[in-house]
Each structure stands twice: as C-alpha cells, then as structure tokens.
Amino acid sequence: MQELDHARPRVPGVEPAEAAQLVDEGAVIPDVRDSDEFSQGRARGAFQIPCGALGERLGPRCRSCARSSWCAARGRSYQAAQTLGTRGYSSMSLAGGMHARCDDWLPVERGDGSPGVVA
C-alpha cells in the first residue's frame, strides 16, 4: 500500500484568505461536500460536485485555471485534489476546510445569496 501512496501527488493547502483571492481572480472551486452541507452554506463561486465526477465535470477547458477543492474539514478536498492532480490538473486543497473559512470570518452563503452556515 505504501507504493500507491507515493504514486499519489502531494497536495498543497491554500489558506482561506488566499483562496478567497483566487476566487476573485477566477479560480474554479469544486466543493466536494454532500448536497446537504453545500445547500446550508458555500463560498461565493463554488459549485457542488461529487469527487468521482471531478475529471468529467470540469473538462479540458479548465486545465489552465487555478482550482482549489473544498470540503468541511479538508479530508475530502485533499482526496479530490489528489484525483485532479492525477488527471493533469494543477490543484490545491482549502487548508482547514470550510470550518477554517468561517473561523477567518469569510462569508458563507446559501444558493439564494442569504447568509449560510457550515454544517
């Protein structure tokens, strides 16, 4: 099993404030949390996508975009960013997940733009 772990790309973490700046610059933000979690609160510009559909849903047009995958506490987003890396994407994971984003007082919203929460 060790050999497989070494074959997976290392994933850099991006701090919440830096991630917010990347969004302002046009980063693609796949949020890999469950639909329930995503509907309660998300970062502006994020879209919900299952980990297994990342490569197919992002498509080749996004290969040159900066992207960071997000989840509640970074576990799922780290796995998603590894998956993206094996498919040729440059990717990173939100350090601390959405909980860290809230801890840094960065906005979280629902789909209708009203204030959201991180479950």
Foldseek 3Di string as FASTA:
>chain_A
DVVVVVVFDAAAADELVVVVVLVVVPAAEEEQEDPVQVQQWDAPRYDYDHLVCVDVVVDPVCQPGEYEYAYQQFPVRRVSQSVCVVVNHRYHYHHRGVVSNVVVVHFIAHPVRHGGDGD
